[in-house]
Protein backbone atom coordinates (compact mmCIF):
# COMPACT_ATOMS: atom_id res chain seq x y z
CA VAL A 1 63.80 115.89 95.26
CA ALA A 2 66.71 116.30 97.70
CA GLU A 3 65.77 113.01 99.39
CA LYS A 4 65.88 111.13 96.07
CA THR A 5 69.23 112.67 95.21
CA GLU A 6 70.62 111.80 98.63
CA ALA A 7 69.36 108.21 98.34
CA ALA A 8 70.89 107.84 94.86
CA THR A 9 74.21 109.25 96.08
CA ALA A 10 74.29 106.89 99.05
CA ARG A 11 73.40 103.96 96.80
CA SER A 12 76.13 104.74 94.28
CA HIS A 13 78.65 105.16 97.10
CA ASP A 14 77.67 101.75 98.51
CA GLU A 15 77.96 100.18 95.05
CA ARG A 16 81.43 101.67 94.60
CA GLU A 17 82.56 100.36 97.99
CA LEU A 18 81.19 96.91 97.17
CA ALA A 19 82.99 96.85 93.82
CA HIS A 20 86.21 97.90 95.56
CA GLU A 21 85.86 95.07 98.09
CA ARG A 22 85.20 92.58 95.27
CA GLY A 23 88.30 93.81 93.46
CA LYS A 24 90.44 93.44 96.56
CA ALA A 25 89.14 89.89 97.06
CA LYS A 26 89.95 88.99 93.43
CA VAL A 27 93.48 90.36 93.73
CA ALA A 28 93.97 88.46 96.99
CA ALA A 29 92.79 85.30 95.23
CA GLY A 30 95.20 85.98 92.36
CA GLN A 31 92.43 86.44 89.79
CA GLY A 32 92.29 90.21 89.50
CA ASP A 33 94.22 92.78 87.56
CA PRO A 34 97.42 94.04 89.16
CA PRO A 35 97.18 97.42 90.86
CA ARG A 36 97.31 100.36 88.49
CA GLY A 37 100.70 101.80 87.80
CA GLY A 38 102.36 98.43 88.32
CA HIS A 39 105.78 97.59 86.90
CA GLY A 40 107.46 99.37 89.80
CA ALA A 41 106.23 102.81 88.78
CA PRO A 42 106.14 105.33 91.62
CA PRO A 43 102.71 106.48 92.77
CA PRO A 44 101.40 109.70 91.18
CA GLN A 45 102.16 111.72 94.33
CA ALA A 46 105.82 110.69 94.25
CA ARG A 47 106.09 111.57 90.56
CA ALA A 48 104.55 115.00 91.22
CA GLN A 49 106.94 115.64 94.10
CA ALA A 50 109.94 114.61 92.01
CA ARG A 51 108.81 116.89 89.19
CA ARG A 52 108.40 119.82 91.59
CA ARG A 53 111.92 119.19 92.95
CA SER A 54 113.41 119.08 89.46
CA LEU A 55 111.78 122.40 88.52
CA MET A 56 113.26 124.22 91.54
């Protein structure tokens, strides 16, 4: 059972990586969606840091 679970996990990880590579290729070709949080929005980490600073 553990072997099947491990194989399924590895397979899903590989599929995710492949989808990510395809997405990067589409964006590079100008066919994909823009990166999430576009429109000049700061990344989530920066927003969280700014919020922490404002609460101090």
